[in-house]
C-alpha atoms as a PDB file:
ATOM      1  CA  MET A   1     -13.195 -23.652  18.874  1.00  0.00           C
ATOM      2  CA  GLU A   2     -15.735 -21.408  17.949  1.00  0.00           C
ATOM      3  CA  LYS A   3     -15.691 -18.961  14.950  1.00  0.00           C
ATOM      4  CA  ARG A   4     -15.918 -15.544  15.549  1.00  0.00           C
ATOM      5  CA  LEU A   5     -18.599 -13.265  13.877  1.00  0.00           C
ATOM      6  CA  ASP A   6     -17.219 -10.000  12.193  1.00  0.00           C
ATOM      7  CA  ARG A   7     -19.410  -7.333  11.058  1.00  0.00           C
ATOM      8  CA  ARG A   8     -17.458  -6.056   8.595  1.00  0.00           C
ATOM      9  CA  THR A   9     -17.896  -6.779   4.855  1.00  0.00           C
ATOM     10  CA  LYS A  10     -14.727  -5.727   3.762  1.00  0.00           C
ATOM     11  CA  TYR A  11     -10.739  -6.468   4.791  1.00  0.00           C
ATOM     12  CA  ARG A  12      -9.265  -4.289   7.333  1.00  0.00           C
ATOM     13  CA  PHE A  13      -5.532  -3.724   6.636  1.00  0.00           C
ATOM     14  CA  PRO A  14      -3.424  -2.518   9.870  1.00  0.00           C
ATOM     15  CA  ILE A  15      -2.251   1.038   8.981  1.00  0.00           C
ATOM     16  CA  HIS A  16      -1.414   2.753  12.147  1.00  0.00           C
ATOM     17  CA  ARG A  17      -0.895   6.216  11.088  1.00  0.00           C
ATOM     18  CA  GLU A  18      -0.889   9.837  12.904  1.00  0.00           C
ATOM     19  CA  LEU A  19      -4.452  11.283  13.126  1.00  0.00           C
ATOM     20  CA  ARG A  20      -6.184  14.558  13.465  1.00  0.00           C
ATOM     21  CA  TYR A  21      -9.901  14.395  13.908  1.00  0.00           C
ATOM     22  CA  LYS A  22     -12.621  17.116  14.069  1.00  0.00           C
ATOM     23  CA  LEU A  23     -15.957  16.443  15.424  1.00  0.00           C
ATOM     24  CA  LEU A  24     -19.808  17.706  14.881  1.00  0.00           C
ATOM     25  CA  GLU A  25     -22.589  16.841  16.592  1.00  0.00           C
ATOM     26  CA  ASP A  26     -26.500  18.343  15.903  1.00  0.00           C
ATOM     27  CA  GLY A  27     -24.486  20.400  13.521  1.00  0.00           C
ATOM     28  CA  VAL A  28     -22.262  22.015  16.177  1.00  0.00           C
ATOM     29  CA  LEU A  29     -18.796  21.497  16.051  1.00  0.00           C
ATOM     30  CA  VAL A  30     -17.734  19.784  19.491  1.00  0.00           C
ATOM     31  CA  GLY A  31     -14.369  18.823  19.641  1.00  0.00           C
ATOM     32  CA  ALA A  32     -11.240  17.947  17.526  1.00  0.00           C
ATOM     33  CA  GLY A  33      -7.621  16.224  18.556  1.00  0.00           C
ATOM     34  CA  THR A  34      -5.001  13.974  17.528  1.00  0.00           C
ATOM     35  CA  GLY A  35      -4.966  10.260  17.624  1.00  0.00           C
ATOM     36  CA  GLN A  36      -3.793   6.973  15.241  1.00  0.00           C
ATOM     37  CA  SER A  37      -5.480   4.859  13.164  1.00  0.00           C
ATOM     38  CA  VAL A  38      -5.416   1.180  14.293  1.00  0.00           C
ATOM     39  CA  ASN A  39      -6.687  -0.021  11.285  1.00  0.00           C
ATOM     40  CA  MET A  40      -8.560   0.762   7.491  1.00  0.00           C
ATOM     41  CA  GLY A  41     -10.869  -0.431   5.239  1.00  0.00           C
ATOM     42  CA  SER A  42     -12.988   0.942   1.750  1.00  0.00           C
ATOM     43  CA  GLY A  43     -15.617   0.880   4.263  1.00  0.00           C
ATOM     44  CA  GLY A  44     -14.445   2.554   7.342  1.00  0.00           C
ATOM     45  CA  VAL A  45     -11.175   3.411   9.971  1.00  0.00           C
ATOM     46  CA  ALA A  46     -10.700   1.994  13.187  1.00  0.00           C
ATOM     47  CA  ILE A  47      -9.017   4.839  15.668  1.00  0.00           C
ATOM     48  CA  ALA A  48      -7.712   5.686  18.746  1.00  0.00           C
ATOM     49  CA  ILE A  49      -7.964   8.950  20.034  1.00  0.00           C
ATOM     50  CA  ASP A  50      -7.736  11.087  23.777  1.00  0.00           C
ATOM     51  CA  ARG A  51     -11.811  10.373  24.483  1.00  0.00           C
ATOM     52  CA  GLU A  52     -14.842   7.950  23.772  1.00  0.00           C
ATOM     53  CA  LEU A  53     -17.385   9.337  20.596  1.00  0.00           C
ATOM     54  CA  LYS A  54     -20.665   9.102  20.561  1.00  0.00           C
ATOM     55  CA  PRO A  55     -22.236   6.989  17.840  1.00  0.00           C
ATOM     56  CA  GLY A  56     -24.263   8.650  14.458  1.00  0.00           C
ATOM     57  CA  ALA A  57     -21.767  11.480  15.359  1.00  0.00           C
ATOM     58  CA  PHE A  58     -20.179  13.105  12.230  1.00  0.00           C
ATOM     59  CA  ILE A  59     -15.989  12.807  11.837  1.00  0.00           C
ATOM     60  CA  GLU A  60     -13.742  14.237   9.856  1.00  0.00           C
ATOM     61  CA  LEU A  61     -10.751  12.761  10.189  1.00  0.00           C
ATOM     62  CA  SER A  62      -6.624  13.580   8.269  1.00  0.00           C
ATOM     63  CA  ILE A  63      -4.982  11.129   8.115  1.00  0.00           C
ATOM     64  CA  SER A  64      -0.550  11.388   7.191  1.00  0.00           C
ATOM     65  CA  TRP A  65      -0.832   8.515   4.001  1.00  0.00           C
ATOM     66  CA  PRO A  66       2.412   6.447   4.621  1.00  0.00           C
ATOM     67  CA  VAL A  67       3.019   7.149   0.608  1.00  0.00           C
ATOM     68  CA  LEU A  68       4.632  10.331  -0.896  1.00  0.00           C
ATOM     69  CA  LEU A  69       3.451  11.824  -3.823  1.00  0.00           C
ATOM     70  CA  ASP A  70       6.103  11.061  -6.778  1.00  0.00           C
ATOM     71  CA  ASP A  71       8.344  10.092  -4.163  1.00  0.00           C
ATOM     72  CA  ASN A  72       9.264  13.473  -2.632  1.00  0.00           C
ATOM     73  CA  CYS A  73       5.447  14.895  -1.481  1.00  0.00           C
ATOM     74  CA  PRO A  74       3.701  13.921   1.718  1.00  0.00           C
ATOM     75  CA  MET A  75      -0.226  13.220   1.405  1.00  0.00           C
ATOM     76  CA  ARG A  76      -3.017  13.319   4.173  1.00  0.00           C
ATOM     77  CA  PHE A  77      -5.929  11.043   3.559  1.00  0.00           C
ATOM     78  CA  ILE A  78      -8.857  12.986   4.904  1.00  0.00           C
ATOM     79  CA  VAL A  79     -12.422  11.342   5.292  1.00  0.00           C
ATOM     80  CA  PHE A  80     -15.877  12.222   6.156  1.00  0.00           C
ATOM     81  CA  GLY A  81     -17.898   9.380   7.427  1.00  0.00           C
ATOM     82  CA  ARG A  82     -20.024   9.229  11.131  1.00  0.00           C
ATOM     83  CA  VAL A  83     -19.210   7.196  13.805  1.00  0.00           C
ATOM     84  CA  LEU A  84     -20.282   3.945  14.065  1.00  0.00           C
ATOM     85  CA  ARG A  85     -19.439   2.697  17.822  1.00  0.00           C
ATOM     86  CA  SER A  86     -16.864   3.478  20.593  1.00  0.00           C
ATOM     87  CA  LEU A  87     -15.535   1.774  23.063  1.00  0.00           C
ATOM     88  CA  GLY A  88     -13.420   3.667  25.773  1.00  0.00           C
ATOM     89  CA  ARG A  89     -10.814   5.756  23.551  1.00  0.00           C
ATOM     90  CA  LYS A  90     -11.240   3.171  20.262  1.00  0.00           C
ATOM     91  CA  SER A  91     -13.553   3.902  17.728  1.00  0.00           C
ATOM     92  CA  ALA A  92     -15.064   2.834  14.644  1.00  0.00           C
ATOM     93  CA  CYS A  93     -16.214   5.264  11.488  1.00  0.00           C
ATOM     94  CA  THR A  94     -17.619   4.800   8.486  1.00  0.00           C
ATOM     95  CA  ILE A  95     -15.836   5.974   5.194  1.00  0.00           C
ATOM     96  CA  ASP A  96     -18.619   8.193   3.061  1.00  0.00           C
ATOM     97  CA  LYS A  97     -16.357  10.616   1.292  1.00  0.00           C
ATOM     98  CA  TYR A  98     -12.448  10.858   0.835  1.00  0.00           C
ATOM     99  CA  GLU A  99     -10.265  13.016  -0.412  1.00  0.00           C
ATOM    100  CA  PHE A 100      -6.248  13.019  -1.078  1.00  0.00           C
ATOM    101  CA  ARG A 101      -3.869  16.360  -0.072  1.00  0.00           C
ATOM    102  CA  THR A 102      -0.569  17.187  -0.135  1.00  0.00           C
ATOM    103  CA  GLN A 103       0.734  18.566   3.286  1.00  0.00           C
ATOM    104  CA  ALA A 104       3.394  20.659   4.370  1.00  0.00           C
ATOM    105  CA  ARG A 105       6.901  18.864   3.839  1.00  0.00           C
ATOM    106  CA  THR A 106       8.404  20.102   7.158  1.00  0.00           C
ATOM    107  CA  LEU A 107       6.118  18.424  10.586  1.00  0.00           C
ATOM    108  CA  GLN A 108       4.141  21.299  12.211  1.00  0.00           C
ATOM    109  CA  PRO A 109       2.136  20.723  15.006  1.00  0.00           C
ATOM    110  CA  ALA A 110      -1.832  20.447  15.193  1.00  0.00           C
ATOM    111  CA  PRO A 111      -3.550  23.942  14.024  1.00  0.00           C
ATOM    112  CA  ALA A 112      -6.003  25.563  16.165  1.00  0.00           C
ATOM    113  CA  VAL A 113      -9.312  24.042  14.829  1.00  0.00           C
ATOM    114  CA  ARG A 114     -10.165  26.053  11.842  1.00  0.00           C
ATOM    115  CA  ASN A 115     -13.414  26.826  11.379  1.00  0.00           C
ATOM    116  CA  ASP A 116     -13.607  26.158   7.395  1.00  0.00           C
ATOM    117  CA  SER A 117     -17.215  24.893   7.606  1.00  0.00           C
ATOM    118  CA  MET A 118     -16.210  21.773   5.131  1.00  0.00           C
ATOM    119  CA  LEU A 119     -17.237  19.373   7.891  1.00  0.00           C
ATOM    120  CA  GLU A 120     -20.425  21.359   8.375  1.00  0.00           C
ATOM    121  CA  ARG A 121     -21.278  21.550   4.721  1.00  0.00           C
ATOM    122  CA  TRP A 122     -21.033  17.446   4.254  1.00  0.00           C
ATOM    123  CA  ALA A 123     -22.994  16.979   7.395  1.00  0.00           C
ATOM    124  CA  TYR A 124     -25.852  19.354   6.047  1.00  0.00           C
ATOM    125  CA  THR A 125     -25.875  17.381   3.119  1.00  0.00           C
ATOM    126  CA  MET A 126     -26.314  14.188   4.542  1.00  0.00           C
ATOM    127  CA  ARG A 127     -28.845  14.894   7.137  1.00  0.00           C
ATOM    128  CA  LYS A 128     -30.977  17.039   3.661  1.00  0.00           C
ATOM    129  CA  GLU A 129     -30.400  13.410   1.588  1.00  0.00           C
ATOM    130  CA  ALA A 130     -31.491  11.512   4.683  1.00  0.00           C
ATOM    131  CA  LEU A 131     -35.010  13.490   4.773  1.00  0.00           C
ATOM    132  CA  LYS A 132     -35.286  13.370   0.964  1.00  0.00           C
ATOM    133  CA  PRO A 133     -38.623  10.714   0.592  1.00  0.00           C
ATOM    134  CA  ARG A 134     -37.589   7.752  -1.568  1.00  0.00           C
ATOM    135  CA  VAL A 135     -39.638   7.185  -4.970  1.00  0.00           C
ATOM    136  CA  ALA A 136     -40.273   3.467  -5.560  1.00  0.00           C
ATOM    137  CA  THR A 137     -39.577   1.856  -8.892  1.00  0.00           C
ATOM    138  CA  ALA A 138     -41.444  -0.037 -11.154  1.00  0.00           C
ATOM    139  CA  GLY A 139     -39.287  -3.207 -10.662  1.00  0.00           C
ATOM    140  CA  ALA A 140     -39.482  -2.870  -6.965  1.00  0.00           C
ATOM    141  CA  ILE A 141     -43.249  -2.747  -7.031  1.00  0.00           C
ATOM    142  CA  ALA A 142     -43.756  -5.867  -9.430  1.00  0.00           C
END
């Protein structure tokens, strides 16, 4: 029996939760929708949504969190990352930045895409950092 090589260096946990996403390509918000998480780890999230995603695109995920804050307040796990790969309607995304937010206690329909530009600001910062020249340290030269 051949052992399967796994590209991941971190363990993924099978967590199936409702999610909302916003997608940014070339600095422009090109899509939004809903889907479900497939699994999560400290380095990334696998998702199932209504479309195939372009690798390299910036993505914001808002995932319903399975644990209540103080046993009574629903939470959302907000992820900023990039699409690593996509096959059909399943995609793998990095977790480059994350935060937890409280959410309304009643179930509400997915809001129209709001343009709060948080995803755009984060993507701009990431692109700017990627363009900075890297300075070699004395230890790396020796």
